[in-house]
Amino acid sequence: MEGVYGWLAEVALVRATLLIWLDLSWDECRNGLLARGLRRGMTLNDQKDLLAWAEDYWVRTTSSSVTGHERLYRAFMATKRVCARATTWLRSCPRSPATA
C-alpha cells in the first residue's frame, strides 16, 4: 500500500507482515508530484495547493505527517525497513518471471 494517509495505513498494518518506509527527501517528493502533472481534473491552483500540503509533511503532526508515520513505524512489530530513495527500493524488489 502506498500513500501518505497514516489513518489508512494504520488499518492495513494490522494484517501486514512487512513495512517499508520510503523516507524521501522533499526534492524527490516534489519532483515526483511535478512529474505526475495535472491529473483527474486538477488545476494549476490544485497542484500548487498539493505541493504546499506535501511540503508541510515535516511540520504538521497529523497521521499524514512524518510524526504520524514515525509513530506507526515504531509501533509496528513485524519486519520493517527504511529506504531513503525510491529508486534504491525499486532495485531491491524481486522481479516476477514475467518482468525479468
C-alpha atoms as a PDB file:
ATOM      1  CA  MET A   1       0.000   0.000   0.000  1.00  0.00           C
ATOM      2  CA  GLU A   2       1.420   3.366  -0.977  1.00  0.00           C
ATOM      3  CA  GLY A   3       0.430   6.749   0.308  1.00  0.00           C
ATOM      4  CA  VAL A   4       0.800   9.346   2.980  1.00  0.00           C
ATOM      5  CA  TYR A   5      -2.510   8.712   4.708  1.00  0.00           C
ATOM      6  CA  GLY A   6      -1.482   7.391   8.111  1.00  0.00           C
ATOM      7  CA  TRP A   7      -5.065   6.697   9.190  1.00  0.00           C
ATOM      8  CA  LEU A   8      -5.457   4.341   6.223  1.00  0.00           C
ATOM      9  CA  ALA A   9      -2.054   2.717   6.747  1.00  0.00           C
ATOM     10  CA  GLU A  10      -2.951   2.086  10.382  1.00  0.00           C
ATOM     11  CA  VAL A  11      -5.907  -0.052   9.273  1.00  0.00           C
ATOM     12  CA  ALA A  12      -3.756  -2.053   6.835  1.00  0.00           C
ATOM     13  CA  LEU A  13      -0.836  -2.561   9.240  1.00  0.00           C
ATOM     14  CA  VAL A  14      -2.916  -4.828  11.456  1.00  0.00           C
ATOM     15  CA  ARG A  15      -2.552  -7.549   8.801  1.00  0.00           C
ATOM     16  CA  ALA A  16       0.806  -6.533   7.323  1.00  0.00           C
ATOM     17  CA  THR A  17       3.901  -8.703   7.613  1.00  0.00           C
ATOM     18  CA  LEU A  18       6.346  -6.130   6.215  1.00  0.00           C
ATOM     19  CA  LEU A  19       6.525  -2.332   6.449  1.00  0.00           C
ATOM     20  CA  ILE A  20       8.757  -0.359   4.087  1.00  0.00           C
ATOM     21  CA  TRP A  21       9.026   3.336   4.781  1.00  0.00           C
ATOM     22  CA  LEU A  22      10.169   5.297   1.749  1.00  0.00           C
ATOM     23  CA  ASP A  23      11.682   8.221   3.648  1.00  0.00           C
ATOM     24  CA  LEU A  24      12.111  10.517   0.663  1.00  0.00           C
ATOM     25  CA  SER A  25      13.625  13.985   0.593  1.00  0.00           C
ATOM     26  CA  TRP A  26      11.415  16.955  -0.232  1.00  0.00           C
ATOM     27  CA  ASP A  27      13.199  17.294  -3.595  1.00  0.00           C
ATOM     28  CA  GLU A  28      12.363  13.721  -4.575  1.00  0.00           C
ATOM     29  CA  CYS A  29       8.741  14.127  -3.422  1.00  0.00           C
ATOM     30  CA  ARG A  30       8.309  17.429  -5.240  1.00  0.00           C
ATOM     31  CA  ASN A  31       9.875  16.090  -8.418  1.00  0.00           C
ATOM     32  CA  GLY A  32       7.570  13.063  -8.306  1.00  0.00           C
ATOM     33  CA  LEU A  33       4.479  15.214  -7.841  1.00  0.00           C
ATOM     34  CA  LEU A  34       5.518  17.515 -10.678  1.00  0.00           C
ATOM     35  CA  ALA A  35       6.271  14.552 -12.956  1.00  0.00           C
ATOM     36  CA  ARG A  36       2.703  13.284 -12.436  1.00  0.00           C
ATOM     37  CA  GLY A  37       1.392  16.502 -13.916  1.00  0.00           C
ATOM     38  CA  LEU A  38      -2.212  17.624 -13.667  1.00  0.00           C
ATOM     39  CA  ARG A  39      -4.439  14.583 -13.108  1.00  0.00           C
ATOM     40  CA  ARG A  40      -8.127  13.912 -12.602  1.00  0.00           C
ATOM     41  CA  GLY A  41      -9.310  17.419 -13.400  1.00  0.00           C
ATOM     42  CA  MET A  42      -6.581  19.062 -11.322  1.00  0.00           C
ATOM     43  CA  THR A  43      -5.952  22.754 -11.989  1.00  0.00           C
ATOM     44  CA  LEU A  44      -2.675  24.620 -11.582  1.00  0.00           C
ATOM     45  CA  ASN A  45      -4.046  26.035  -8.307  1.00  0.00           C
ATOM     46  CA  ASP A  46      -4.865  22.491  -7.123  1.00  0.00           C
ATOM     47  CA  GLN A  47      -1.315  21.429  -7.926  1.00  0.00           C
ATOM     48  CA  LYS A  48       0.062  24.456  -6.061  1.00  0.00           C
ATOM     49  CA  ASP A  49      -2.079  23.542  -3.023  1.00  0.00           C
ATOM     50  CA  LEU A  50      -0.947  19.905  -3.186  1.00  0.00           C
ATOM     51  CA  LEU A  51       2.706  20.951  -3.331  1.00  0.00           C
ATOM     52  CA  ALA A  52       2.232  23.243  -0.315  1.00  0.00           C
ATOM     53  CA  TRP A  53       0.473  20.466   1.616  1.00  0.00           C
ATOM     54  CA  ALA A  54       3.188  17.945   0.723  1.00  0.00           C
ATOM     55  CA  GLU A  55       5.970  20.339   1.726  1.00  0.00           C
ATOM     56  CA  ASP A  56       4.364  20.687   5.173  1.00  0.00           C
ATOM     57  CA  TYR A  57       4.788  16.915   5.742  1.00  0.00           C
ATOM     58  CA  TRP A  58       7.718  17.543   8.096  1.00  0.00           C
ATOM     59  CA  VAL A  59       5.872  20.306  10.017  1.00  0.00           C
ATOM     60  CA  ARG A  60       2.345  19.052  10.650  1.00  0.00           C
ATOM     61  CA  THR A  61       1.678  16.428  13.320  1.00  0.00           C
ATOM     62  CA  THR A  62      -1.356  14.580  11.937  1.00  0.00           C
ATOM     63  CA  SER A  63      -1.396  10.902  10.978  1.00  0.00           C
ATOM     64  CA  SER A  64      -0.365  12.079   7.483  1.00  0.00           C
ATOM     65  CA  SER A  65       2.934  13.586   8.627  1.00  0.00           C
ATOM     66  CA  VAL A  66       6.444  12.433   9.410  1.00  0.00           C
ATOM     67  CA  THR A  67       5.438  12.440  13.087  1.00  0.00           C
ATOM     68  CA  GLY A  68       2.422  10.220  12.405  1.00  0.00           C
ATOM     69  CA  HIS A  69       4.437   7.880  10.201  1.00  0.00           C
ATOM     70  CA  GLU A  70       7.231   7.597  12.782  1.00  0.00           C
ATOM     71  CA  ARG A  71       4.603   6.632  15.352  1.00  0.00           C
ATOM     72  CA  LEU A  72       3.285   3.851  13.083  1.00  0.00           C
ATOM     73  CA  TYR A  73       6.811   2.675  12.255  1.00  0.00           C
ATOM     74  CA  ARG A  74       7.878   2.462  15.900  1.00  0.00           C
ATOM     75  CA  ALA A  75       4.710   0.561  16.853  1.00  0.00           C
ATOM     76  CA  PHE A  76       4.997  -1.984  14.008  1.00  0.00           C
ATOM     77  CA  MET A  77       6.363  -5.228  15.433  1.00  0.00           C
ATOM     78  CA  ALA A  78       6.933  -7.303  12.272  1.00  0.00           C
ATOM     79  CA  THR A  79       9.723  -6.858   9.705  1.00  0.00           C
ATOM     80  CA  LYS A  80      10.333  -3.249   8.750  1.00  0.00           C
ATOM     81  CA  ARG A  81      12.772  -1.305   6.588  1.00  0.00           C
ATOM     82  CA  VAL A  82      13.549   2.339   5.833  1.00  0.00           C
ATOM     83  CA  CYS A  83      14.696   3.377   2.387  1.00  0.00           C
ATOM     84  CA  ALA A  84      15.735   6.951   1.626  1.00  0.00           C
ATOM     85  CA  ARG A  85      15.394   6.726  -2.163  1.00  0.00           C
ATOM     86  CA  ALA A  86      12.558   5.239  -4.185  1.00  0.00           C
ATOM     87  CA  THR A  87      14.942   4.036  -6.901  1.00  0.00           C
ATOM     88  CA  THR A  88      17.044   2.153  -4.335  1.00  0.00           C
ATOM     89  CA  TRP A  89      13.947   0.401  -3.026  1.00  0.00           C
ATOM     90  CA  LEU A  90      12.702  -0.468  -6.514  1.00  0.00           C
ATOM     91  CA  ARG A  91      16.062  -2.024  -7.460  1.00  0.00           C
ATOM     92  CA  SER A  92      15.900  -4.224  -4.356  1.00  0.00           C
ATOM     93  CA  CYS A  93      12.497  -5.690  -5.228  1.00  0.00           C
ATOM     94  CA  PRO A  94      12.490  -9.174  -6.655  1.00  0.00           C
ATOM     95  CA  ARG A  95      11.288  -9.321 -10.222  1.00  0.00           C
ATOM     96  CA  SER A  96       8.499 -11.590 -11.266  1.00  0.00           C
ATOM     97  CA  PRO A  97       9.327 -14.067 -14.089  1.00  0.00           C
ATOM     98  CA  ALA A  98       7.128 -12.022 -16.439  1.00  0.00           C
ATOM     99  CA  THR A  99       9.230  -8.841 -15.993  1.00  0.00           C
ATOM    100  CA  ALA A 100      12.704 -10.340 -15.581  1.00  0.00           C
END
